[in-house]
Structure formats: structure tokens, C-alpha cells
Amino acid sequence: MLKDFLKEVVVIVAGKQAEEIAGLLDNKKHVNEFLIAKKMEITINQTRNILYKISDHGLVSFIRKKDKKKGWYTYFWKIEVLKSLEFLKEILVKNINQIEHQIKSREAKRFYICERCNIEFNEENALLHNFTCDDCGDLFVIKDNSKVLRDFDRNLNKLKKELELVEKDIQEEQEKIDKKKEREFKKEQKEKAEAKKKAKEKLVKKTPKKSVVKKEKTKKTLRKKATKKKLVKKTSNKKKTKSVKKKK
């Protein structure tokens, strides 16, 4: 049903001749506009006119790539499924409301008809015409609304069923998008965690070397201090012995 709904959207926006483009644009990746023109057997300008009409309603997205040899840009297009379904939902809701209003109007008011000319008038307009047809002179008769109401009810039920299916597809499409976002978020978090882990590993590798160097430096300074102390002791001992000898 999704493909049918997308076709319906394209027909509403760009006309019956553009119906085929819906299937071509319903793709995971963006599609080359020249490929679309080729498959539809129309010119690139005709293809772009259709795409621009759909784009005016925000129902397609595009990316562009520059041809390195020729220097011009080629556009790649893709239909936005969720936006298209929401657009169709709005139209269905609007049509349903209109039919419901017409049903209420038919049930509450009288309508008159000229049976010869098959022209319908509401009660106010029929009164203005004195319940007489200006074209043929026949008197108006009260119109039986039962058939009209049956047609309205049938169309209303059809639209409501379609609306239910569209809403179901919207929900499914939204779930797909949410799952995709969740996967991307998890992937991003995993990449960040891995980057932090690598950074910590680098720090761990660097820190022991610094500590070893510091230890070696402290050992050297301690040795120097120890040798200095020994020298000080020796000189002090020599001075003592000399002073003792002098006293004697």
C-alpha cells in the first residue's frame, strides 16, 4: 500500500503524468536525475519540472555532485516517505471534514431541483428564483437526498479506511527512523568510547617512562647527596685530627 500512497501523493502534487516517478524515487539512496529521465522516457527539463513541483511541498530531498571533467553539477533525488505520508494524511483529513460538513448540511436543509435542466438549488436560492427555473420555466421540486447521502457515506468510509492505513504506515516509518537514529547514536557512543580508551592507553604507555626517568633522577640526586655527606664527614674528621695534633 505504501507505493500506492506515494503515487497518490505525486499525482496530487505533479499530475497523473508524474505517477511513475514515485517508484523511482522510493529508494534508500538518492537517484541520478538523468537516470530518472531515461527510465521515464522524458527530457531532463521535464523531469526537473516534476521534481521541482514535488520539492515545493518539501516531499523530496536531493544532493548534488560536481563532475570533475565537465565542471557542472548533477542532482540526485529521493522521496521523503514520512513527509509524503503526513502530507497525504492532511489531505485525507481535510476531505473527510468536507464530506462530514456536506452530510450535515444535506440532513439539515432542503434542496430543490429543476428536473428538466438538472440544476440544483438550496432553499434560499430557490426562494429568490420563486421556485421557478429561469431557463425552462418549470417549477422546482424537492430533491431526494437519500442517494446523495448514500454516496457521501460510501466516500466517507472509503476515506476513513485509507486514513487508517496511512496512519499505520506513518507509525511504521517513524519507528524505522527512530531505530536508525538509535543505531547511529549507539555507533557514535561506541566510537567515542573507543577513542577515549585509546587515549587512556596512550597515556598509560607514556606515564611509566616518565616515572622511570624520575626514579633514575631521584636515585642520582640521592647518590650525589650521599657522596657529599661522606666528603663532608671526611674533611671534618681530618680537621679534628689536625687540631688534636696541634694541642699535643
Protein backbone atom coordinates (compact mmCIF):
# COMPACT_ATOMS: atom_id res chain seq x y z
CA MET A 1 0.00 0.00 0.00
CA LEU A 2 2.90 2.35 0.69
CA LYS A 3 3.83 2.54 -3.00
CA ASP A 4 0.23 3.32 -3.91
CA PHE A 5 0.12 6.12 -1.33
CA LEU A 6 3.35 7.63 -2.68
CA LYS A 7 1.93 7.52 -6.20
CA GLU A 8 -1.24 9.20 -4.96
CA VAL A 9 0.84 11.99 -3.37
CA VAL A 10 2.84 12.56 -6.57
CA VAL A 11 -0.35 12.66 -8.68
CA ILE A 12 -1.91 15.24 -6.30
CA VAL A 13 1.19 17.44 -6.45
CA ALA A 14 2.52 16.99 -10.00
CA GLY A 15 -0.29 15.37 -12.01
CA LYS A 16 -1.07 11.93 -13.43
CA GLN A 17 1.84 12.05 -15.90
CA ALA A 18 4.30 12.11 -12.97
CA GLU A 19 2.93 8.96 -11.27
CA GLU A 20 5.82 6.74 -12.43
CA ILE A 21 8.44 8.91 -10.71
CA ALA A 22 7.18 7.86 -7.26
CA GLY A 23 8.51 4.31 -7.69
CA LEU A 24 11.88 5.57 -8.97
CA LEU A 25 12.35 7.98 -6.07
CA ASP A 26 11.33 5.43 -3.42
CA ASN A 27 14.90 4.28 -2.87
CA LYS A 28 17.34 4.05 0.04
CA LYS A 29 19.88 6.07 -1.93
CA HIS A 30 19.41 9.29 -3.92
CA VAL A 31 18.79 8.64 -7.64
CA ASN A 32 20.52 10.43 -10.53
CA GLU A 33 18.07 12.79 -12.29
CA PHE A 34 19.39 11.74 -15.72
CA LEU A 35 18.62 8.12 -14.87
CA ILE A 36 15.08 9.13 -13.86
CA ALA A 37 14.61 10.96 -17.17
CA LYS A 38 15.89 7.93 -19.10
CA LYS A 39 13.59 5.46 -17.32
CA MET A 40 10.56 7.73 -17.71
CA GLU A 41 11.48 8.40 -21.36
CA ILE A 42 11.14 12.16 -20.97
CA THR A 43 13.60 15.05 -21.24
CA ILE A 44 15.77 16.18 -18.33
CA ASN A 45 13.88 19.52 -18.24
CA GLN A 46 10.53 17.73 -17.95
CA THR A 47 11.97 15.55 -15.20
CA ARG A 48 13.26 18.57 -13.30
CA ASN A 49 9.91 20.35 -13.61
CA ILE A 50 8.20 17.37 -11.95
CA LEU A 51 10.87 17.16 -9.24
CA TYR A 52 10.63 20.91 -8.53
CA LYS A 53 6.84 20.66 -8.11
CA ILE A 54 7.27 17.87 -5.56
CA SER A 55 10.15 19.74 -3.92
CA ASP A 56 7.95 22.83 -3.44
CA HIS A 57 5.96 20.79 -0.89
CA GLY A 58 9.14 19.51 0.81
CA LEU A 59 8.42 15.89 -0.18
CA VAL A 60 11.81 15.12 -1.77
CA SER A 61 15.42 15.62 -0.72
CA PHE A 62 18.43 15.98 -3.01
CA ILE A 63 22.21 16.02 -3.04
CA ARG A 64 24.47 17.36 -5.77
CA LYS A 65 27.81 16.16 -7.07
CA LYS A 66 30.23 18.07 -9.26
CA ASP A 67 31.52 16.47 -12.44
CA LYS A 68 35.31 16.93 -12.25
CA LYS A 69 35.77 16.76 -16.03
CA LYS A 70 32.80 18.85 -17.22
CA GLY A 71 32.55 21.13 -14.18
CA TRP A 72 28.75 21.10 -13.81
CA TYR A 73 26.60 19.71 -11.02
CA THR A 74 24.40 16.63 -11.24
CA TYR A 75 21.49 16.30 -8.81
CA PHE A 76 20.41 13.10 -7.08
CA TRP A 77 16.88 12.84 -5.65
CA LYS A 78 14.96 10.74 -3.12
CA ILE A 79 11.36 10.88 -1.92
CA GLU A 80 10.82 11.62 1.78
CA VAL A 81 8.41 8.84 2.70
CA LEU A 82 7.35 10.08 6.15
CA LYS A 83 6.72 13.65 4.94
CA SER A 84 4.76 12.34 1.93
CA LEU A 85 2.55 10.18 4.16
CA GLU A 86 1.93 13.08 6.54
CA PHE A 87 1.05 15.28 3.53
CA LEU A 88 -1.45 12.66 2.33
CA LYS A 89 -2.90 12.37 5.84
CA GLU A 90 -3.58 16.13 5.92
CA ILE A 91 -5.43 15.94 2.59
CA LEU A 92 -7.50 12.94 3.72
CA VAL A 93 -8.46 14.65 6.99
CA LYS A 94 -9.45 17.77 5.04
CA ASN A 95 -11.61 15.74 2.59
CA ILE A 96 -13.25 13.82 5.44
CA ASN A 97 -14.17 17.06 7.20
CA GLN A 98 -15.64 18.47 3.98
CA ILE A 99 -17.81 15.40 3.38
CA GLU A 100 -19.00 15.34 7.00
CA HIS A 101 -19.96 19.01 6.67
CA GLN A 102 -21.87 18.27 3.44
CA ILE A 103 -23.70 15.37 5.08
CA LYS A 104 -24.79 17.59 7.98
CA SER A 105 -25.90 20.27 5.51
CA ARG A 106 -27.94 17.77 3.44
CA GLU A 107 -29.60 16.36 6.54
CA ALA A 108 -30.49 19.78 7.97
CA LYS A 109 -31.50 21.72 4.83
CA ARG A 110 -33.85 21.29 1.88
CA PHE A 111 -32.60 21.30 -1.69
CA TYR A 112 -34.64 21.86 -4.86
CA ILE A 113 -34.00 20.77 -8.43
CA CYS A 114 -35.18 21.58 -11.94
CA GLU A 115 -35.71 18.08 -13.32
CA ARG A 116 -35.55 19.19 -16.95
CA CYS A 117 -32.30 21.21 -16.66
CA ASN A 118 -30.91 19.10 -13.79
CA ILE A 119 -29.92 22.25 -11.85
CA GLU A 120 -29.87 22.12 -8.06
CA PHE A 121 -30.67 24.99 -5.68
CA ASN A 122 -30.62 25.31 -1.94
CA GLU A 123 -33.78 26.64 -0.28
CA GLU A 124 -32.57 30.25 -0.15
CA ASN A 125 -31.67 30.40 -3.86
CA ALA A 126 -34.86 28.56 -4.84
CA LEU A 127 -36.88 31.21 -2.98
CA LEU A 128 -35.00 34.00 -4.81
CA HIS A 129 -35.98 32.37 -8.12
CA ASN A 130 -39.56 31.99 -6.92
CA PHE A 131 -39.09 28.19 -7.18
CA THR A 132 -39.12 28.54 -10.98
CA CYS A 133 -36.34 27.72 -13.45
CA ASP A 134 -35.18 30.75 -15.42
CA ASP A 135 -34.09 28.60 -18.37
CA CYS A 136 -37.14 26.41 -18.99
CA GLY A 137 -39.85 27.86 -16.76
CA ASP A 138 -40.52 24.56 -14.91
CA LEU A 139 -41.24 24.59 -11.20
CA PHE A 140 -38.59 23.24 -8.84
CA VAL A 141 -39.23 20.01 -6.94
CA ILE A 142 -37.75 18.96 -3.62
CA LYS A 143 -34.70 16.82 -4.22
CA ASP A 144 -34.49 13.40 -2.61
CA ASN A 145 -31.17 13.47 -0.73
CA SER A 146 -31.13 9.78 0.16
CA LYS A 147 -28.98 8.78 -2.86
CA VAL A 148 -26.62 11.73 -2.35
CA LEU A 149 -26.25 10.84 1.33
CA ARG A 150 -25.52 7.19 0.45
CA ASP A 151 -22.78 8.34 -1.93
CA PHE A 152 -21.35 10.65 0.72
CA ASP A 153 -21.36 7.86 3.31
CA ARG A 154 -19.64 5.47 0.91
CA ASN A 155 -16.92 8.02 0.08
CA LEU A 156 -16.54 8.91 3.75
CA ASN A 157 -15.99 5.28 4.78
CA LYS A 158 -13.51 4.82 1.96
CA LEU A 159 -11.50 7.87 3.04
CA LYS A 160 -11.55 6.81 6.70
CA LYS A 161 -10.22 3.36 5.84
CA GLU A 162 -7.48 4.91 3.73
CA LEU A 163 -6.64 7.28 6.60
CA GLU A 164 -6.26 4.33 8.99
CA LEU A 165 -3.82 2.63 6.59
CA VAL A 166 -1.86 5.85 6.08
CA GLU A 167 -1.59 6.37 9.85
CA LYS A 168 -0.34 2.79 10.21
CA ASP A 169 2.33 3.39 7.56
CA ILE A 170 3.30 6.66 9.27
CA GLN A 171 3.80 4.82 12.55
CA GLU A 172 5.91 2.11 10.88
CA GLU A 173 8.01 4.69 9.03
CA GLN A 174 8.53 6.69 12.25
CA GLU A 175 9.67 3.52 14.04
CA LYS A 176 12.18 2.84 11.24
CA ILE A 177 13.58 6.37 11.57
CA ASP A 178 13.76 6.09 15.38
CA LYS A 179 15.60 2.76 15.15
CA LYS A 180 18.03 4.20 12.61
CA LYS A 181 18.71 7.19 14.89
CA GLU A 182 19.22 4.84 17.84
CA ARG A 183 21.73 2.74 15.86
CA GLU A 184 23.60 5.87 14.79
CA PHE A 185 23.63 7.15 18.38
CA LYS A 186 24.96 3.83 19.70
CA LYS A 187 27.60 3.76 16.97
CA GLU A 188 28.64 7.31 17.83
CA GLN A 189 28.82 6.48 21.54
CA LYS A 190 30.88 3.35 20.79
CA GLU A 191 33.30 5.35 18.64
CA LYS A 192 33.68 7.95 21.40
CA ALA A 193 34.28 5.22 24.00
CA GLU A 194 36.90 3.58 21.78
CA ALA A 195 38.60 6.93 21.20
CA LYS A 196 38.71 7.58 24.97
CA LYS A 197 40.07 4.08 25.56
CA LYS A 198 42.84 4.58 23.01
CA ALA A 199 43.69 7.96 24.53
CA LYS A 200 43.95 6.37 28.00
CA GLU A 201 46.12 3.56 26.64
CA LYS A 202 48.49 6.13 25.15
CA LEU A 203 48.69 7.95 28.48
CA VAL A 204 49.35 4.69 30.32
CA LYS A 205 52.18 3.88 27.90
CA LYS A 206 53.73 7.32 28.34
CA THR A 207 53.45 7.68 32.14
CA PRO A 208 55.72 4.70 33.17
CA LYS A 209 58.61 6.10 31.14
CA LYS A 210 58.33 9.42 32.93
CA SER A 211 58.20 7.72 36.32
CA VAL A 212 61.28 5.64 35.48
CA VAL A 213 63.15 8.77 34.44
CA LYS A 214 62.06 10.49 37.63
CA LYS A 215 63.16 7.49 39.70
CA GLU A 216 66.54 7.46 37.99
CA LYS A 217 66.91 11.19 38.61
CA THR A 218 65.99 10.82 42.28
CA LYS A 219 68.46 7.95 42.64
CA LYS A 220 71.21 10.08 41.10
CA THR A 221 70.43 13.02 43.39
CA LEU A 222 70.41 10.73 46.42
CA ARG A 223 73.77 9.31 45.39
CA LYS A 224 75.19 12.79 44.95
CA LYS A 225 73.89 13.81 48.36
CA ALA A 226 75.35 10.67 49.93
CA THR A 227 78.78 11.29 48.38
CA LYS A 228 78.66 14.90 49.51
CA LYS A 229 77.86 13.79 53.06
CA LYS A 230 80.77 11.36 53.01
CA LEU A 231 83.13 14.07 51.78
CA VAL A 232 81.90 16.44 54.46
CA LYS A 233 82.47 13.75 57.12
CA LYS A 234 85.99 13.00 55.84
CA THR A 235 87.01 16.66 55.81
CA SER A 236 85.57 17.20 59.27
CA ASN A 237 87.46 14.13 60.58
CA LYS A 238 90.71 15.39 59.04
CA LYS A 239 90.22 18.80 60.69
CA LYS A 240 89.65 17.12 64.06
CA THR A 241 92.81 15.04 63.82
CA LYS A 242 94.84 18.12 62.88
CA SER A 243 93.51 20.09 65.81
CA VAL A 244 94.29 17.22 68.20
CA LYS A 245 97.89 17.03 66.98
CA LYS A 246 98.36 20.78 67.45
CA LYS A 247 97.18 20.59 71.08
CA LYS A 248 99.68 17.86 71.83
